[in-house]
Amino acid sequence: MNAIAPGYGGPGLLSCSNVSLSSLTHFQVDLNGTTPGAGYDQLNVHGSLDLGDATLSVTLGYTPAIGDSFVIINNDGADAITGMFAGLPQGAFLTNGVSIFRISYRGGDGNDVVLYRVNPPARLTSIARLANSSVQLQGAGLSNLTYTIQASTNLLVWTNIGAALANLTGAFSFNDTNAPLFPLRFYRALSP
């Protein structure tokens, strides 16, 4: 396996011409801040860029804030990016610990690879009243994340009523045993 790490052991910049990666390439990025070269790794490409289904690995040295962005590949000129990282199509989520990122191959000035720190929404897929009058919520999110479950009677004031851990497929479940105490109750799931 070939490895590319622009900073090799810490943030840095690497400039190359006409880059062509393959499925045997491991592209490693260190994120320790929001400044390219000093805070995170950046590959500057002059000419063509083919990602060739390479593996992307992100190592965090700090906790990025929601909204932070990282131009991990700065592609000059108007050259479009060919291919993608393995398993990461445009807009896909990737996780590293508790930090969640969305990838774009059209970020920056339109043809850069950018990671955006996001807080992806969870989606409740079903709500069912059980025989004992409690309510069972089923949801979908990202695997191995813990979602906060909230309830409200008026859609203005929300109260945390528990948490649900998503399994390997992203599915999660929560039973509200206090539901019979309320004639009307709304629910939502919050991402970590």
N, C-alpha and C. Protein backbone atom coordinates (compact mmCIF):
# COMPACT_ATOMS: atom_id res chain seq x y z
N MET A 1 0.84 -1.18 0.00
CA MET A 1 0.00 0.00 0.00
C MET A 1 0.89 1.24 0.00
N ASN A 2 0.52 2.21 -0.80
CA ASN A 2 1.21 3.50 -0.85
C ASN A 2 0.53 4.46 0.11
N ALA A 3 1.30 5.29 0.78
CA ALA A 3 0.73 6.26 1.70
C ALA A 3 1.17 7.67 1.32
N ILE A 4 0.21 8.60 1.40
CA ILE A 4 0.50 10.01 1.21
C ILE A 4 0.02 10.72 2.46
N ALA A 5 0.93 11.41 3.13
CA ALA A 5 0.62 12.19 4.33
C ALA A 5 1.34 13.53 4.18
N PRO A 6 0.63 14.58 3.73
CA PRO A 6 1.28 15.85 3.44
C PRO A 6 2.18 16.38 4.55
N GLY A 7 1.83 16.17 5.81
CA GLY A 7 2.65 16.69 6.90
C GLY A 7 3.49 15.64 7.57
N TYR A 8 3.21 14.39 7.34
CA TYR A 8 3.88 13.24 7.92
C TYR A 8 4.14 13.41 9.42
N GLY A 9 3.14 13.12 10.22
CA GLY A 9 3.27 13.20 11.67
C GLY A 9 2.80 14.51 12.27
N GLY A 10 2.30 15.39 11.46
CA GLY A 10 1.79 16.70 11.91
C GLY A 10 1.33 17.46 10.69
N PRO A 11 0.64 18.57 10.87
CA PRO A 11 0.12 19.32 9.73
C PRO A 11 1.24 19.83 8.81
N GLY A 12 0.97 19.82 7.53
CA GLY A 12 1.92 20.32 6.56
C GLY A 12 1.30 20.49 5.20
N LEU A 13 2.07 21.06 4.28
CA LEU A 13 1.65 21.26 2.90
C LEU A 13 2.52 20.41 1.98
N LEU A 14 1.91 19.85 0.95
CA LEU A 14 2.64 19.09 -0.06
C LEU A 14 2.11 19.54 -1.41
N SER A 15 3.00 19.92 -2.31
CA SER A 15 2.60 20.35 -3.66
C SER A 15 3.08 19.33 -4.67
N CYS A 16 2.19 18.97 -5.61
CA CYS A 16 2.48 17.98 -6.64
C CYS A 16 1.82 18.40 -7.95
N SER A 17 2.28 17.80 -9.04
CA SER A 17 1.67 18.00 -10.35
C SER A 17 1.06 16.70 -10.82
N ASN A 18 -0.12 16.81 -11.47
CA ASN A 18 -0.79 15.67 -12.10
C ASN A 18 -0.79 14.44 -11.19
N VAL A 19 -1.64 14.47 -10.17
CA VAL A 19 -1.71 13.41 -9.16
C VAL A 19 -2.71 12.34 -9.59
N SER A 20 -2.28 11.08 -9.51
CA SER A 20 -3.15 9.95 -9.81
C SER A 20 -2.99 8.92 -8.69
N LEU A 21 -4.05 8.79 -7.88
CA LEU A 21 -4.06 7.82 -6.78
C LEU A 21 -4.75 6.55 -7.25
N SER A 22 -4.67 5.50 -6.43
CA SER A 22 -5.35 4.25 -6.77
C SER A 22 -5.95 3.65 -5.50
N SER A 23 -6.63 2.53 -5.67
CA SER A 23 -7.24 1.85 -4.52
C SER A 23 -6.18 1.33 -3.55
N LEU A 24 -4.92 1.33 -3.96
CA LEU A 24 -3.83 0.91 -3.09
C LEU A 24 -3.22 2.08 -2.33
N THR A 25 -3.75 3.29 -2.55
CA THR A 25 -3.21 4.49 -1.92
C THR A 25 -3.99 4.83 -0.65
N HIS A 26 -3.27 5.16 0.38
CA HIS A 26 -3.83 5.57 1.66
C HIS A 26 -3.48 7.06 1.84
N PHE A 27 -4.49 7.94 1.80
CA PHE A 27 -4.27 9.38 1.94
C PHE A 27 -4.61 9.77 3.37
N GLN A 28 -3.59 10.17 4.14
CA GLN A 28 -3.79 10.49 5.56
C GLN A 28 -3.72 11.99 5.78
N VAL A 29 -4.72 12.49 6.53
CA VAL A 29 -4.82 13.91 6.83
C VAL A 29 -4.86 14.10 8.34
N ASP A 30 -3.99 14.97 8.85
CA ASP A 30 -4.01 15.36 10.26
C ASP A 30 -4.76 16.68 10.39
N LEU A 31 -5.72 16.72 11.31
CA LEU A 31 -6.48 17.95 11.58
C LEU A 31 -6.19 18.38 13.01
N ASN A 32 -5.46 19.49 13.15
CA ASN A 32 -5.12 20.03 14.47
C ASN A 32 -5.52 21.49 14.61
N GLY A 33 -6.16 22.05 13.61
CA GLY A 33 -6.58 23.45 13.59
C GLY A 33 -7.17 23.78 12.24
N THR A 34 -7.50 25.06 12.00
CA THR A 34 -8.20 25.44 10.77
C THR A 34 -7.32 26.15 9.74
N THR A 35 -6.02 26.21 9.96
CA THR A 35 -5.11 26.87 9.02
C THR A 35 -4.35 25.81 8.22
N PRO A 36 -4.47 25.85 6.87
CA PRO A 36 -3.75 24.84 6.08
C PRO A 36 -2.24 24.94 6.30
N GLY A 37 -1.61 23.79 6.45
CA GLY A 37 -0.17 23.73 6.65
C GLY A 37 0.24 23.80 8.10
N ALA A 38 -0.39 24.70 8.87
CA ALA A 38 -0.07 24.84 10.29
C ALA A 38 -1.08 24.11 11.17
N GLY A 39 -2.35 24.09 10.75
CA GLY A 39 -3.39 23.44 11.54
C GLY A 39 -3.85 22.12 10.96
N TYR A 40 -3.74 21.98 9.64
CA TYR A 40 -4.15 20.71 9.02
C TYR A 40 -3.35 20.48 7.73
N ASP A 41 -3.33 19.19 7.33
CA ASP A 41 -2.63 18.80 6.11
C ASP A 41 -3.39 19.26 4.87
N GLN A 42 -2.61 19.66 3.86
CA GLN A 42 -3.21 20.04 2.59
C GLN A 42 -2.30 19.59 1.45
N LEU A 43 -2.91 18.96 0.44
CA LEU A 43 -2.20 18.60 -0.78
C LEU A 43 -2.57 19.63 -1.84
N ASN A 44 -1.58 20.34 -2.38
CA ASN A 44 -1.80 21.31 -3.46
C ASN A 44 -1.47 20.63 -4.78
N VAL A 45 -2.47 20.56 -5.67
CA VAL A 45 -2.30 19.85 -6.94
C VAL A 45 -2.30 20.85 -8.09
N HIS A 46 -1.28 20.76 -8.93
CA HIS A 46 -1.16 21.58 -10.14
C HIS A 46 -1.35 20.63 -11.31
N GLY A 47 -2.46 20.77 -12.02
CA GLY A 47 -2.76 19.87 -13.13
C GLY A 47 -3.89 18.93 -12.78
N SER A 48 -3.87 17.73 -13.33
CA SER A 48 -4.96 16.77 -13.16
C SER A 48 -4.92 16.09 -11.79
N LEU A 49 -6.10 15.62 -11.37
CA LEU A 49 -6.22 14.92 -10.09
C LEU A 49 -7.21 13.78 -10.24
N ASP A 50 -6.74 12.55 -10.03
CA ASP A 50 -7.58 11.35 -10.06
C ASP A 50 -7.45 10.67 -8.69
N LEU A 51 -8.56 10.64 -7.94
CA LEU A 51 -8.53 10.04 -6.60
C LEU A 51 -8.54 8.52 -6.63
N GLY A 52 -9.00 7.93 -7.72
CA GLY A 52 -8.85 6.50 -7.96
C GLY A 52 -9.31 5.56 -6.87
N ASP A 53 -10.30 5.93 -6.07
CA ASP A 53 -10.84 5.06 -5.02
C ASP A 53 -9.82 4.83 -3.90
N ALA A 54 -8.97 5.83 -3.66
CA ALA A 54 -7.98 5.74 -2.57
C ALA A 54 -8.70 5.77 -1.22
N THR A 55 -8.05 5.33 -0.17
CA THR A 55 -8.60 5.34 1.18
C THR A 55 -8.24 6.65 1.87
N LEU A 56 -9.24 7.32 2.44
CA LEU A 56 -9.02 8.55 3.19
C LEU A 56 -9.03 8.25 4.68
N SER A 57 -8.01 8.72 5.38
CA SER A 57 -7.91 8.54 6.83
C SER A 57 -7.73 9.91 7.47
N VAL A 58 -8.55 10.21 8.48
CA VAL A 58 -8.49 11.50 9.16
C VAL A 58 -8.09 11.27 10.61
N THR A 59 -7.03 11.96 11.06
CA THR A 59 -6.57 11.89 12.44
C THR A 59 -6.80 13.25 13.08
N LEU A 60 -7.52 13.26 14.20
CA LEU A 60 -7.82 14.51 14.90
C LEU A 60 -6.87 14.75 16.04
N GLY A 61 -6.40 16.00 16.15
CA GLY A 61 -5.56 16.41 17.26
C GLY A 61 -6.25 17.45 18.11
N TYR A 62 -7.51 17.75 17.79
CA TYR A 62 -8.32 18.70 18.54
C TYR A 62 -9.78 18.44 18.20
N THR A 63 -10.69 19.15 18.84
CA THR A 63 -12.11 18.99 18.55
C THR A 63 -12.58 20.14 17.67
N PRO A 64 -12.81 19.88 16.39
CA PRO A 64 -13.26 20.95 15.49
C PRO A 64 -14.70 21.38 15.82
N ALA A 65 -14.98 22.65 15.61
CA ALA A 65 -16.32 23.19 15.85
C ALA A 65 -17.22 22.89 14.66
N ILE A 66 -18.52 22.80 14.92
CA ILE A 66 -19.50 22.66 13.84
C ILE A 66 -19.30 23.85 12.90
N GLY A 67 -19.19 23.58 11.62
CA GLY A 67 -18.99 24.62 10.62
C GLY A 67 -17.55 24.79 10.17
N ASP A 68 -16.58 24.24 10.92
CA ASP A 68 -15.19 24.32 10.47
C ASP A 68 -15.04 23.57 9.15
N SER A 69 -14.20 24.09 8.26
CA SER A 69 -13.97 23.41 6.99
C SER A 69 -12.47 23.28 6.75
N PHE A 70 -12.11 22.24 6.00
CA PHE A 70 -10.71 21.90 5.75
C PHE A 70 -10.55 21.56 4.27
N VAL A 71 -9.82 22.39 3.52
CA VAL A 71 -9.53 22.12 2.11
C VAL A 71 -8.34 21.17 2.09
N ILE A 72 -8.62 19.87 2.11
CA ILE A 72 -7.53 18.89 2.23
C ILE A 72 -6.80 18.68 0.90
N ILE A 73 -7.50 18.94 -0.22
CA ILE A 73 -6.84 18.94 -1.53
C ILE A 73 -7.23 20.23 -2.24
N ASN A 74 -6.24 21.07 -2.46
CA ASN A 74 -6.42 22.35 -3.13
C ASN A 74 -6.02 22.14 -4.59
N ASN A 75 -7.02 22.04 -5.46
CA ASN A 75 -6.81 21.72 -6.87
C ASN A 75 -6.79 23.02 -7.67
N ASP A 76 -5.66 23.35 -8.29
CA ASP A 76 -5.55 24.63 -8.99
C ASP A 76 -6.36 24.66 -10.28
N GLY A 77 -6.53 25.85 -10.81
CA GLY A 77 -7.17 26.02 -12.11
C GLY A 77 -8.59 25.51 -12.16
N ALA A 78 -9.01 25.08 -13.35
CA ALA A 78 -10.38 24.64 -13.56
C ALA A 78 -10.49 23.13 -13.73
N ASP A 79 -9.38 22.41 -13.51
CA ASP A 79 -9.41 20.95 -13.68
C ASP A 79 -10.42 20.33 -12.73
N ALA A 80 -11.31 19.51 -13.28
CA ALA A 80 -12.27 18.78 -12.43
C ALA A 80 -11.57 17.59 -11.79
N ILE A 81 -12.06 17.20 -10.63
CA ILE A 81 -11.53 16.02 -9.95
C ILE A 81 -12.13 14.78 -10.60
N THR A 82 -11.29 13.79 -10.85
CA THR A 82 -11.75 12.51 -11.36
C THR A 82 -11.77 11.52 -10.20
N GLY A 83 -12.84 10.72 -10.13
CA GLY A 83 -12.94 9.71 -9.09
C GLY A 83 -13.29 10.29 -7.73
N MET A 84 -13.18 9.43 -6.72
CA MET A 84 -13.50 9.82 -5.34
C MET A 84 -12.71 8.93 -4.40
N PHE A 85 -12.79 9.25 -3.09
CA PHE A 85 -12.20 8.37 -2.09
C PHE A 85 -13.12 7.16 -1.91
N ALA A 86 -12.56 6.02 -1.55
CA ALA A 86 -13.30 4.77 -1.39
C ALA A 86 -14.47 4.93 -0.43
N GLY A 87 -15.66 4.62 -0.90
CA GLY A 87 -16.86 4.63 -0.07
C GLY A 87 -17.36 6.02 0.31
N LEU A 88 -16.82 7.07 -0.30
CA LEU A 88 -17.20 8.44 0.06
C LEU A 88 -17.64 9.23 -1.17
N PRO A 89 -18.87 9.00 -1.64
CA PRO A 89 -19.37 9.80 -2.75
C PRO A 89 -19.61 11.25 -2.31
N GLN A 90 -19.86 12.13 -3.26
CA GLN A 90 -20.13 13.53 -2.98
C GLN A 90 -21.20 13.65 -1.88
N GLY A 91 -20.90 14.42 -0.84
CA GLY A 91 -21.85 14.68 0.24
C GLY A 91 -21.91 13.61 1.31
N ALA A 92 -21.09 12.57 1.22
CA ALA A 92 -21.11 11.48 2.20
C ALA A 92 -20.60 11.97 3.55
N PHE A 93 -21.08 11.30 4.60
CA PHE A 93 -20.59 11.57 5.96
C PHE A 93 -19.47 10.61 6.28
N LEU A 94 -18.48 11.09 7.04
CA LEU A 94 -17.46 10.21 7.60
C LEU A 94 -17.25 10.62 9.04
N THR A 95 -16.91 9.66 9.86
CA THR A 95 -16.75 9.93 11.29
C THR A 95 -15.33 9.63 11.74
N ASN A 96 -14.96 10.30 12.80
CA ASN A 96 -13.69 10.04 13.46
C ASN A 96 -13.94 10.31 14.93
N GLY A 97 -14.11 9.28 15.72
CA GLY A 97 -14.49 9.49 17.13
C GLY A 97 -15.89 10.07 17.18
N VAL A 98 -16.05 11.21 17.80
CA VAL A 98 -17.37 11.84 17.88
C VAL A 98 -17.53 12.97 16.88
N SER A 99 -16.50 13.27 16.10
CA SER A 99 -16.59 14.32 15.08
C SER A 99 -17.08 13.73 13.77
N ILE A 100 -18.03 14.43 13.16
CA ILE A 100 -18.63 13.97 11.92
C ILE A 100 -18.34 15.01 10.85
N PHE A 101 -17.93 14.53 9.67
CA PHE A 101 -17.60 15.40 8.56
C PHE A 101 -18.43 15.03 7.34
N ARG A 102 -18.64 16.01 6.47
CA ARG A 102 -19.25 15.77 5.16
C ARG A 102 -18.18 16.12 4.14
N ILE A 103 -18.05 15.29 3.11
CA ILE A 103 -17.02 15.52 2.10
C ILE A 103 -17.63 16.13 0.84
N SER A 104 -16.88 17.05 0.24
CA SER A 104 -17.27 17.64 -1.04
C SER A 104 -16.08 17.61 -1.98
N TYR A 105 -16.34 17.21 -3.22
CA TYR A 105 -15.32 17.23 -4.26
C TYR A 105 -15.47 18.47 -5.14
N ARG A 106 -16.42 19.32 -4.75
CA ARG A 106 -16.67 20.57 -5.49
C ARG A 106 -16.58 21.77 -4.55
N GLY A 107 -15.83 21.62 -3.46
CA GLY A 107 -15.71 22.66 -2.46
C GLY A 107 -14.68 23.72 -2.84
N GLY A 108 -14.39 24.61 -1.90
CA GLY A 108 -13.40 25.67 -2.14
C GLY A 108 -13.80 26.53 -3.32
N ASP A 109 -12.96 26.55 -4.34
CA ASP A 109 -13.28 27.34 -5.53
C ASP A 109 -13.99 26.51 -6.60
N GLY A 110 -14.58 25.38 -6.19
CA GLY A 110 -15.40 24.57 -7.09
C GLY A 110 -14.80 23.24 -7.50
N ASN A 111 -13.51 23.04 -7.26
CA ASN A 111 -12.90 21.77 -7.64
C ASN A 111 -11.87 21.30 -6.62
N ASP A 112 -12.14 21.60 -5.35
CA ASP A 112 -11.26 21.18 -4.27
C ASP A 112 -11.96 20.11 -3.43
N VAL A 113 -11.17 19.30 -2.72
CA VAL A 113 -11.73 18.32 -1.78
C VAL A 113 -11.76 19.00 -0.41
N VAL A 114 -12.97 19.13 0.13
CA VAL A 114 -13.16 19.84 1.40
C VAL A 114 -13.92 18.95 2.37
N LEU A 115 -13.44 18.93 3.62
CA LEU A 115 -14.17 18.28 4.72
C LEU A 115 -14.84 19.38 5.53
N TYR A 116 -16.15 19.22 5.76
CA TYR A 116 -16.92 20.16 6.57
C TYR A 116 -17.34 19.47 7.85
N ARG A 117 -17.06 20.07 9.01
CA ARG A 117 -17.49 19.52 10.30
C ARG A 117 -18.98 19.82 10.42
N VAL A 118 -19.78 18.77 10.53
CA VAL A 118 -21.24 18.91 10.54
C VAL A 118 -21.84 18.17 11.73
N ASN A 119 -23.08 18.41 11.93
CA ASN A 119 -23.88 17.72 12.92
C ASN A 119 -25.09 17.16 12.17
N PRO A 120 -24.96 15.97 11.55
CA PRO A 120 -26.01 15.47 10.67
C PRO A 120 -27.29 15.17 11.43
N PRO A 121 -28.41 15.42 10.81
CA PRO A 121 -29.69 15.16 11.48
C PRO A 121 -29.99 13.67 11.58
N ALA A 122 -30.68 13.32 12.63
CA ALA A 122 -31.23 11.98 12.75
C ALA A 122 -32.64 12.04 12.20
N ARG A 123 -33.20 10.91 11.86
CA ARG A 123 -34.54 10.87 11.29
C ARG A 123 -35.35 9.82 12.05
N LEU A 124 -36.48 10.24 12.60
CA LEU A 124 -37.39 9.27 13.21
C LEU A 124 -38.15 8.60 12.08
N THR A 125 -38.11 7.26 12.05
CA THR A 125 -38.73 6.52 10.96
C THR A 125 -40.09 5.95 11.32
N SER A 126 -40.35 5.76 12.62
CA SER A 126 -41.68 5.30 13.03
C SER A 126 -41.91 5.61 14.51
N ILE A 127 -43.19 5.83 14.83
CA ILE A 127 -43.62 6.05 16.21
C ILE A 127 -44.84 5.15 16.41
N ALA A 128 -44.77 4.28 17.43
CA ALA A 128 -45.86 3.33 17.65
C ALA A 128 -46.23 3.29 19.13
N ARG A 129 -47.54 3.25 19.42
CA ARG A 129 -48.02 3.09 20.79
C ARG A 129 -48.05 1.59 21.08
N LEU A 130 -47.42 1.21 22.19
CA LEU A 130 -47.36 -0.20 22.58
C LEU A 130 -48.56 -0.58 23.44
N ALA A 131 -48.70 -1.87 23.74
CA ALA A 131 -49.84 -2.38 24.51
C ALA A 131 -49.94 -1.74 25.89
N ASN A 132 -48.82 -1.39 26.50
CA ASN A 132 -48.84 -0.78 27.84
C ASN A 132 -48.97 0.74 27.77
N SER A 133 -49.31 1.28 26.61
CA SER A 133 -49.49 2.71 26.33
C SER A 133 -48.20 3.51 26.26
N SER A 134 -47.05 2.86 26.43
CA SER A 134 -45.80 3.58 26.20
C SER A 134 -45.64 3.75 24.69
N VAL A 135 -44.69 4.60 24.29
CA VAL A 135 -44.47 4.87 22.87
C VAL A 135 -43.07 4.41 22.49
N GLN A 136 -42.97 3.69 21.37
CA GLN A 136 -41.69 3.24 20.86
C GLN A 136 -41.33 4.07 19.63
N LEU A 137 -40.14 4.67 19.69
CA LEU A 137 -39.61 5.45 18.58
C LEU A 137 -38.54 4.64 17.87
N GLN A 138 -38.56 4.63 16.55
CA GLN A 138 -37.52 4.01 15.74
C GLN A 138 -36.90 5.12 14.91
N GLY A 139 -35.57 5.09 14.74
CA GLY A 139 -34.92 6.14 13.98
C GLY A 139 -33.75 5.64 13.16
N ALA A 140 -33.25 6.53 12.32
CA ALA A 140 -32.10 6.24 11.48
C ALA A 140 -31.11 7.39 11.58
N GLY A 141 -29.85 7.04 11.74
CA GLY A 141 -28.78 8.03 11.83
C GLY A 141 -27.49 7.41 11.35
N LEU A 142 -26.40 7.76 11.99
CA LEU A 142 -25.10 7.18 11.65
C LEU A 142 -24.72 6.14 12.69
N SER A 143 -24.04 5.09 12.25
CA SER A 143 -23.70 3.98 13.13
C SER A 143 -22.86 4.44 14.32
N ASN A 144 -23.14 3.80 15.45
CA ASN A 144 -22.39 3.97 16.70
C ASN A 144 -22.46 5.37 17.31
N LEU A 145 -23.41 6.18 16.91
CA LEU A 145 -23.59 7.49 17.53
C LEU A 145 -24.75 7.41 18.51
N THR A 146 -24.65 8.19 19.60
CA THR A 146 -25.73 8.23 20.58
C THR A 146 -26.55 9.48 20.34
N TYR A 147 -27.85 9.29 20.13
CA TYR A 147 -28.78 10.38 19.84
C TYR A 147 -29.57 10.73 21.09
N THR A 148 -29.73 12.03 21.33
CA THR A 148 -30.54 12.51 22.45
C THR A 148 -31.99 12.54 22.00
N ILE A 149 -32.87 11.94 22.79
CA ILE A 149 -34.30 11.93 22.49
C ILE A 149 -34.96 13.02 23.33
N GLN A 150 -35.75 13.86 22.67
CA GLN A 150 -36.45 14.94 23.35
C GLN A 150 -37.95 14.82 23.10
N ALA A 151 -38.73 15.38 24.04
CA ALA A 151 -40.18 15.40 23.92
C ALA A 151 -40.70 16.79 24.27
N SER A 152 -41.86 17.10 23.72
CA SER A 152 -42.50 18.39 23.97
C SER A 152 -44.01 18.21 23.89
N THR A 153 -44.72 19.06 24.61
CA THR A 153 -46.18 19.06 24.52
C THR A 153 -46.70 20.25 23.71
N ASN A 154 -45.77 21.19 23.36
CA ASN A 154 -46.23 22.40 22.68
C ASN A 154 -45.31 22.85 21.54
N LEU A 155 -44.29 22.10 21.22
CA LEU A 155 -43.29 22.40 20.19
C LEU A 155 -42.44 23.62 20.50
N LEU A 156 -42.58 24.19 21.69
CA LEU A 156 -41.77 25.35 22.08
C LEU A 156 -40.71 24.98 23.10
N VAL A 157 -41.10 24.18 24.07
CA VAL A 157 -40.19 23.76 25.14
C VAL A 157 -39.92 22.27 24.97
N TRP A 158 -38.63 21.92 24.80
CA TRP A 158 -38.23 20.54 24.60
C TRP A 158 -37.46 20.06 25.82
N THR A 159 -37.72 18.81 26.23
CA THR A 159 -37.08 18.21 27.39
C THR A 159 -36.36 16.93 26.97
N ASN A 160 -35.12 16.77 27.43
CA ASN A 160 -34.39 15.52 27.18
C ASN A 160 -35.06 14.41 27.99
N ILE A 161 -35.42 13.33 27.31
CA ILE A 161 -36.06 12.21 28.02
C ILE A 161 -35.22 10.94 27.96
N GLY A 162 -34.10 10.98 27.24
CA GLY A 162 -33.23 9.80 27.19
C GLY A 162 -32.28 9.86 26.02
N ALA A 163 -31.64 8.73 25.77
CA ALA A 163 -30.67 8.63 24.69
C ALA A 163 -30.81 7.27 24.02
N ALA A 164 -30.41 7.20 22.75
CA ALA A 164 -30.48 5.95 22.00
C ALA A 164 -29.20 5.80 21.19
N LEU A 165 -28.58 4.63 21.30
CA LEU A 165 -27.35 4.33 20.56
C LEU A 165 -27.71 3.66 19.24
N ALA A 166 -27.20 4.23 18.15
CA ALA A 166 -27.43 3.63 16.83
C ALA A 166 -26.54 2.40 16.65
N ASN A 167 -27.09 1.38 16.03
CA ASN A 167 -26.31 0.15 15.80
C ASN A 167 -25.41 0.33 14.59
N LEU A 168 -24.81 -0.75 14.10
CA LEU A 168 -23.86 -0.67 12.99
C LEU A 168 -24.49 -0.20 11.69
N THR A 169 -25.80 -0.35 11.55
CA THR A 169 -26.47 0.12 10.34
C THR A 169 -27.03 1.53 10.52
N GLY A 170 -26.93 2.10 11.73
CA GLY A 170 -27.44 3.44 11.99
C GLY A 170 -28.82 3.47 12.60
N ALA A 171 -29.46 2.30 12.77
CA ALA A 171 -30.80 2.24 13.34
C ALA A 171 -30.74 2.38 14.86
N PHE A 172 -31.73 3.09 15.42
CA PHE A 172 -31.83 3.20 16.87
C PHE A 172 -33.28 3.13 17.30
N SER A 173 -33.49 2.82 18.59
CA SER A 173 -34.83 2.64 19.14
C SER A 173 -34.86 3.23 20.54
N PHE A 174 -36.04 3.77 20.92
CA PHE A 174 -36.22 4.33 22.26
C PHE A 174 -37.67 4.14 22.67
N ASN A 175 -37.89 3.71 23.92
CA ASN A 175 -39.25 3.56 24.47
C ASN A 175 -39.51 4.66 25.48
N ASP A 176 -40.58 5.42 25.26
CA ASP A 176 -41.00 6.47 26.19
C ASP A 176 -42.06 5.87 27.11
N THR A 177 -41.63 5.46 28.31
CA THR A 177 -42.57 4.84 29.27
C THR A 177 -43.44 5.89 29.97
N ASN A 178 -43.08 7.18 29.84
CA ASN A 178 -43.88 8.25 30.44
C ASN A 178 -44.95 8.80 29.50
N ALA A 179 -45.03 8.30 28.29
CA ALA A 179 -46.00 8.79 27.31
C ALA A 179 -47.44 8.76 27.82
N PRO A 180 -47.85 7.74 28.60
CA PRO A 180 -49.25 7.73 29.06
C PRO A 180 -49.62 8.92 29.95
N LEU A 181 -48.64 9.64 30.48
CA LEU A 181 -48.90 10.79 31.35
C LEU A 181 -49.29 12.05 30.56
N PHE A 182 -49.16 12.00 29.23
CA PHE A 182 -49.39 13.19 28.40
C PHE A 182 -50.43 12.90 27.33
N PRO A 183 -51.45 13.77 27.20
CA PRO A 183 -52.46 13.54 26.16
C PRO A 183 -51.91 13.80 24.75
N LEU A 184 -50.89 14.66 24.66
CA LEU A 184 -50.29 14.99 23.37
C LEU A 184 -48.78 15.15 23.59
N ARG A 185 -47.97 14.50 22.71
CA ARG A 185 -46.53 14.55 22.91
C ARG A 185 -45.83 14.49 21.55
N PHE A 186 -44.88 15.39 21.35
CA PHE A 186 -44.09 15.43 20.13
C PHE A 186 -42.67 14.94 20.45
N TYR A 187 -41.98 14.41 19.45
CA TYR A 187 -40.64 13.86 19.66
C TYR A 187 -39.67 14.35 18.60
N ARG A 188 -38.41 14.38 19.02
CA ARG A 188 -37.33 14.63 18.07
C ARG A 188 -36.06 13.95 18.58
N ALA A 189 -35.15 13.66 17.66
CA ALA A 189 -33.86 13.06 18.00
C ALA A 189 -32.77 14.04 17.58
N LEU A 190 -31.85 14.33 18.50
CA LEU A 190 -30.76 15.26 18.22
C LEU A 190 -29.46 14.51 18.04
N SER A 191 -28.69 14.92 17.04
CA SER A 191 -27.39 14.33 16.79
C SER A 191 -26.40 14.81 17.83
N PRO A 192 -25.37 13.98 18.08
CA PRO A 192 -24.35 14.39 19.06
C PRO A 192 -23.56 15.60 18.57
